[in-house]
Amino acid sequence: MHANQSKTSSHRDRGFTLIELMVAVAIAAILASIAIPSYQAYVRRGQLAEAFSTLSDMRVKMEQWYQDNKFYGVDLNSTACPTLAPTYGAFPIAGKYFTMTCGSLGAAPAQTFTLTATGTTGLTTGYSYTLNQSGIKGTTSFAGQSSTAACWLTKAGSCDN
């Protein structure tokens, strides 16, 4: 009789109970609910770099155009943006995460410009940034909400200057 009791108790010690399994699943769900949004924010900040670097580079190209022509337009009487060849080409310019546009050239001969990067895919949808001839940065849309920040927001309330 004693031998049978030890066999029965050894069967009970194997495996997990339903409660133990449910606790493990609950802990994993809590960790995932914290980790996934943090990871997405981290990836998004990496994707925003495309807008910042391209806008900065395009501003340099626009200034080079101005140095050669003394206006930002296609010609002296135009308010259309020039083609930034060979690097970029004609506007709008499609990047991996953003579309770049040129606007607000002012009256001919154009002496001002505003470049805009608008998010087009996944994590960058709802984000829009600007840069003008004076180097003034702006965020017009952040996480789908209108913004008037005079900087490039990378996370809520945090500028990339």
Protein backbone atom coordinates (compact mmCIF):
# COMPACT_ATOMS: atom_id res chain seq x y z
CA MET A 1 0.00 0.00 0.00
CA HIS A 2 2.80 2.34 0.76
CA ALA A 3 4.27 1.92 -2.77
CA ASN A 4 0.97 2.85 -4.44
CA GLN A 5 0.72 6.05 -2.46
CA SER A 6 4.12 7.21 -3.64
CA LYS A 7 3.21 6.47 -7.30
CA THR A 8 0.01 8.54 -6.99
CA SER A 9 1.77 11.51 -5.41
CA SER A 10 4.46 11.51 -8.10
CA HIS A 11 1.75 11.85 -10.80
CA ARG A 12 0.40 14.95 -9.08
CA ASP A 13 3.78 16.71 -9.06
CA ARG A 14 4.20 16.72 -12.85
CA GLY A 15 3.20 19.68 -15.09
CA PHE A 16 1.57 23.02 -14.35
CA THR A 17 -1.80 23.71 -12.89
CA LEU A 18 -4.27 25.83 -14.80
CA ILE A 19 -3.83 28.67 -12.30
CA GLU A 20 -0.05 28.68 -12.75
CA LEU A 21 -0.45 28.76 -16.52
CA MET A 22 -2.97 31.63 -16.34
CA VAL A 23 -0.64 33.66 -14.10
CA ALA A 24 2.24 33.17 -16.57
CA VAL A 25 0.03 34.26 -19.50
CA ALA A 26 -1.17 37.33 -17.56
CA ILE A 27 2.41 38.37 -16.76
CA ALA A 28 3.41 37.95 -20.42
CA ALA A 29 0.41 40.05 -21.53
CA ILE A 30 1.29 42.85 -19.09
CA LEU A 31 4.90 42.90 -20.28
CA ALA A 32 3.80 42.95 -23.94
CA SER A 33 1.37 45.83 -23.32
CA ILE A 34 4.30 47.89 -22.01
CA ALA A 35 7.00 46.74 -24.44
CA ILE A 36 5.16 46.95 -27.79
CA PRO A 37 4.22 50.68 -27.61
CA SER A 38 7.74 51.54 -26.42
CA TYR A 39 9.26 49.59 -29.30
CA GLN A 40 6.94 51.25 -31.82
CA ALA A 41 7.91 54.70 -30.52
CA TYR A 42 11.58 53.75 -30.84
CA VAL A 43 11.11 52.57 -34.44
CA ARG A 44 9.08 55.69 -35.31
CA ARG A 45 11.84 58.01 -34.05
CA GLY A 46 14.22 56.18 -36.39
CA GLN A 47 11.83 56.69 -39.31
CA LEU A 48 11.41 60.40 -38.52
CA ALA A 49 15.13 60.83 -39.18
CA GLU A 50 14.38 60.44 -42.90
CA ALA A 51 12.26 63.61 -42.83
CA PHE A 52 14.81 65.60 -40.85
CA SER A 53 17.85 64.64 -42.92
CA THR A 54 16.08 64.99 -46.28
CA LEU A 55 14.59 68.38 -45.42
CA SER A 56 18.00 69.62 -44.29
CA ASP A 57 19.69 68.33 -47.43
CA MET A 58 16.99 69.78 -49.68
CA ARG A 59 17.39 73.16 -48.01
CA VAL A 60 21.07 73.10 -48.95
CA LYS A 61 20.10 72.25 -52.56
CA MET A 62 17.60 75.13 -52.61
CA GLU A 63 20.29 77.51 -51.31
CA GLN A 64 22.67 76.29 -54.03
CA TRP A 65 19.93 77.04 -56.59
CA TYR A 66 19.51 80.51 -55.10
CA GLN A 67 23.26 81.17 -55.23
CA ASP A 68 23.25 80.39 -58.95
CA ASN A 69 20.00 82.19 -59.86
CA LYS A 70 19.25 84.79 -57.13
CA PHE A 71 15.69 83.40 -56.73
CA TYR A 72 14.12 80.11 -55.63
CA GLY A 73 11.65 79.64 -58.49
CA VAL A 74 12.19 77.76 -61.75
CA ASP A 75 12.83 81.09 -63.47
CA LEU A 76 12.68 84.81 -62.69
CA ASN A 77 8.91 85.02 -63.27
CA SER A 78 7.95 81.69 -61.68
CA THR A 79 6.72 80.65 -58.27
CA ALA A 80 7.17 76.95 -59.08
CA CYS A 81 9.86 75.03 -57.23
CA PRO A 82 12.97 74.01 -59.16
CA THR A 83 13.91 70.41 -59.87
CA LEU A 84 16.63 69.35 -57.44
CA ALA A 85 18.50 67.10 -59.84
CA PRO A 86 20.51 64.96 -59.83
CA THR A 87 19.97 64.07 -56.17
CA TYR A 88 16.18 64.35 -55.88
CA GLY A 89 14.42 65.39 -59.08
CA ALA A 90 11.07 67.15 -59.36
CA PHE A 91 8.63 67.75 -56.49
CA PRO A 92 6.87 65.93 -54.90
CA ILE A 93 9.69 63.62 -53.91
CA ALA A 94 8.78 60.22 -52.45
CA GLY A 95 10.99 58.78 -49.73
CA LYS A 96 10.56 55.49 -47.90
CA TYR A 97 8.45 56.99 -45.08
CA PHE A 98 7.78 60.60 -46.18
CA THR A 99 6.78 62.60 -49.24
CA MET A 100 8.62 65.91 -49.65
CA THR A 101 6.88 68.91 -51.20
CA CYS A 102 7.88 72.48 -51.89
CA GLY A 103 5.56 75.40 -51.51
CA SER A 104 5.10 78.98 -50.37
CA LEU A 105 7.70 80.40 -52.74
CA GLY A 106 6.28 83.89 -52.47
CA ALA A 107 5.80 86.33 -55.35
CA ALA A 108 8.15 86.14 -58.34
CA PRO A 109 11.06 86.47 -58.24
CA ALA A 110 10.69 83.97 -55.39
CA GLN A 111 12.75 84.91 -52.35
CA THR A 112 11.22 82.45 -49.85
CA PHE A 113 10.34 78.76 -49.70
CA THR A 114 8.88 76.21 -47.34
CA LEU A 115 9.73 72.52 -47.68
CA THR A 116 7.31 70.00 -46.15
CA ALA A 117 7.77 66.33 -45.26
CA THR A 118 4.51 64.42 -44.80
CA GLY A 119 4.45 60.89 -43.39
CA THR A 120 3.06 58.33 -45.82
CA THR A 121 3.30 54.86 -44.30
CA GLY A 122 2.61 53.00 -41.08
CA LEU A 123 4.20 54.65 -38.07
CA THR A 124 4.85 57.99 -39.85
CA THR A 125 1.25 58.58 -40.95
CA GLY A 126 -0.03 61.70 -39.19
CA TYR A 127 3.39 63.37 -38.94
CA SER A 128 4.33 66.49 -40.93
CA TYR A 129 7.41 68.71 -40.68
CA THR A 130 8.52 71.95 -42.38
CA LEU A 131 11.74 73.85 -43.02
CA ASN A 132 12.05 77.27 -44.66
CA GLN A 133 14.79 79.38 -46.27
CA SER A 134 15.73 80.87 -42.88
CA GLY A 135 16.30 77.44 -41.37
CA ILE A 136 13.18 77.67 -39.20
CA LYS A 137 11.89 74.21 -38.38
CA GLY A 138 8.25 73.41 -37.69
CA THR A 139 5.94 70.55 -36.82
CA THR A 140 2.50 70.95 -38.39
CA SER A 141 1.15 67.52 -37.44
CA PHE A 142 2.30 65.16 -34.69
CA ALA A 143 0.64 61.78 -34.12
CA GLY A 144 -2.33 62.96 -36.18
CA GLN A 145 -2.85 66.12 -34.11
CA SER A 146 -2.29 69.65 -35.42
CA SER A 147 0.79 71.34 -34.05
CA THR A 148 2.35 74.78 -34.16
CA ALA A 149 5.68 73.78 -32.62
CA ALA A 150 8.59 75.84 -33.92
CA CYS A 151 10.83 72.78 -33.91
CA TRP A 152 10.84 69.16 -35.10
CA LEU A 153 9.01 67.12 -32.47
CA THR A 154 10.36 63.59 -32.04
CA LYS A 155 8.15 62.64 -29.11
CA ALA A 156 5.38 64.54 -27.40
CA GLY A 157 6.86 67.77 -26.07
CA SER A 158 10.42 66.90 -27.13
CA CYS A 159 12.15 68.81 -29.94
CA ASP A 160 15.01 67.68 -32.14
CA ASN A 161 17.05 70.83 -32.66
